[in-house]
């Protein structure tokens, strides 16, 4: 059984990549005037949450070995 720290280290790249990519996408979207759907009307908060969710999903996939 792997520890949570090992799972986090293995999945950190996925979380960082999704957070960075969604930050770029959401900032372009907000600049175009479409700010609906952003959490707390913030690009940073929304992209951080997307990154955390992606990291959690990757941790589950790694843990169950699928």
Protein backbone atom coordinates (compact mmCIF):
# COMPACT_ATOMS: atom_id res chain seq x y z
CA UNK A 1 0.00 0.00 0.00
CA UNK A 2 1.47 3.32 -1.07
CA UNK A 3 1.48 6.30 1.19
CA UNK A 4 -0.38 9.47 0.39
CA UNK A 5 2.90 11.35 -0.05
CA UNK A 6 4.10 8.98 -2.75
CA UNK A 7 0.79 9.26 -4.57
CA UNK A 8 0.95 13.06 -4.38
CA UNK A 9 4.50 13.12 -5.77
CA UNK A 10 3.52 10.86 -8.65
CA UNK A 11 0.43 12.95 -9.48
CA UNK A 12 1.79 16.46 -8.93
CA UNK A 13 2.76 16.94 -12.57
CA UNK A 14 -0.75 16.24 -13.77
CA UNK A 15 -2.22 18.70 -11.27
CA UNK A 16 0.29 21.42 -12.16
CA UNK A 17 -0.25 20.93 -15.88
CA UNK A 18 -4.01 21.11 -15.65
CA UNK A 19 -3.82 24.17 -13.37
CA UNK A 20 -1.49 26.00 -15.74
CA UNK A 21 -3.47 25.09 -18.84
CA UNK A 22 -6.79 26.02 -17.33
CA UNK A 23 -5.33 29.31 -16.04
CA UNK A 24 -4.38 30.25 -19.59
CA UNK A 25 -7.75 29.20 -20.95
CA UNK A 26 -9.79 30.89 -18.24
CA UNK A 27 -7.77 34.11 -18.46
CA UNK A 28 -8.40 34.29 -22.21
CA UNK A 29 -12.07 33.61 -21.58
CA UNK A 30 -12.30 36.31 -18.90
CA UNK A 31 -10.48 38.80 -21.10
CA UNK A 32 -13.15 38.19 -23.76
CA UNK A 33 -15.80 39.20 -21.22
CA UNK A 34 -17.17 35.76 -20.39
CA UNK A 35 -16.58 35.50 -16.65
CA UNK A 36 -19.55 33.30 -15.87
CA UNK A 37 -18.66 29.96 -14.37
CA UNK A 38 -15.56 31.17 -12.54
CA UNK A 39 -15.36 30.34 -8.84
CA UNK A 40 -15.38 33.57 -6.79
CA UNK A 41 -15.02 35.39 -10.12
CA UNK A 42 -11.30 34.47 -10.04
CA UNK A 43 -9.20 32.75 -12.68
CA UNK A 44 -6.61 31.72 -10.07
CA UNK A 45 -9.11 30.04 -7.74
CA UNK A 46 -10.87 28.24 -10.57
CA UNK A 47 -7.66 26.92 -12.12
CA UNK A 48 -6.31 25.85 -8.70
CA UNK A 49 -9.48 23.84 -8.05
CA UNK A 50 -9.24 22.23 -11.50
CA UNK A 51 -5.64 21.26 -10.75
CA UNK A 52 -6.53 19.78 -7.36
CA UNK A 53 -9.39 17.74 -8.83
CA UNK A 54 -7.17 16.44 -11.63
CA UNK A 55 -4.47 15.51 -9.12
CA UNK A 56 -7.00 13.67 -6.95
CA UNK A 57 -8.31 11.71 -9.94
CA UNK A 58 -4.77 10.79 -10.95
CA UNK A 59 -4.02 9.67 -7.39
CA UNK A 60 -7.07 7.37 -7.47
CA UNK A 61 -6.05 5.93 -10.82
CA UNK A 62 -2.51 5.31 -9.57
CA UNK A 63 -3.72 3.82 -6.29
CA UNK A 64 -6.09 1.32 -7.91
CA UNK A 65 -3.60 0.54 -10.70
CA UNK A 66 -6.00 0.92 -13.57
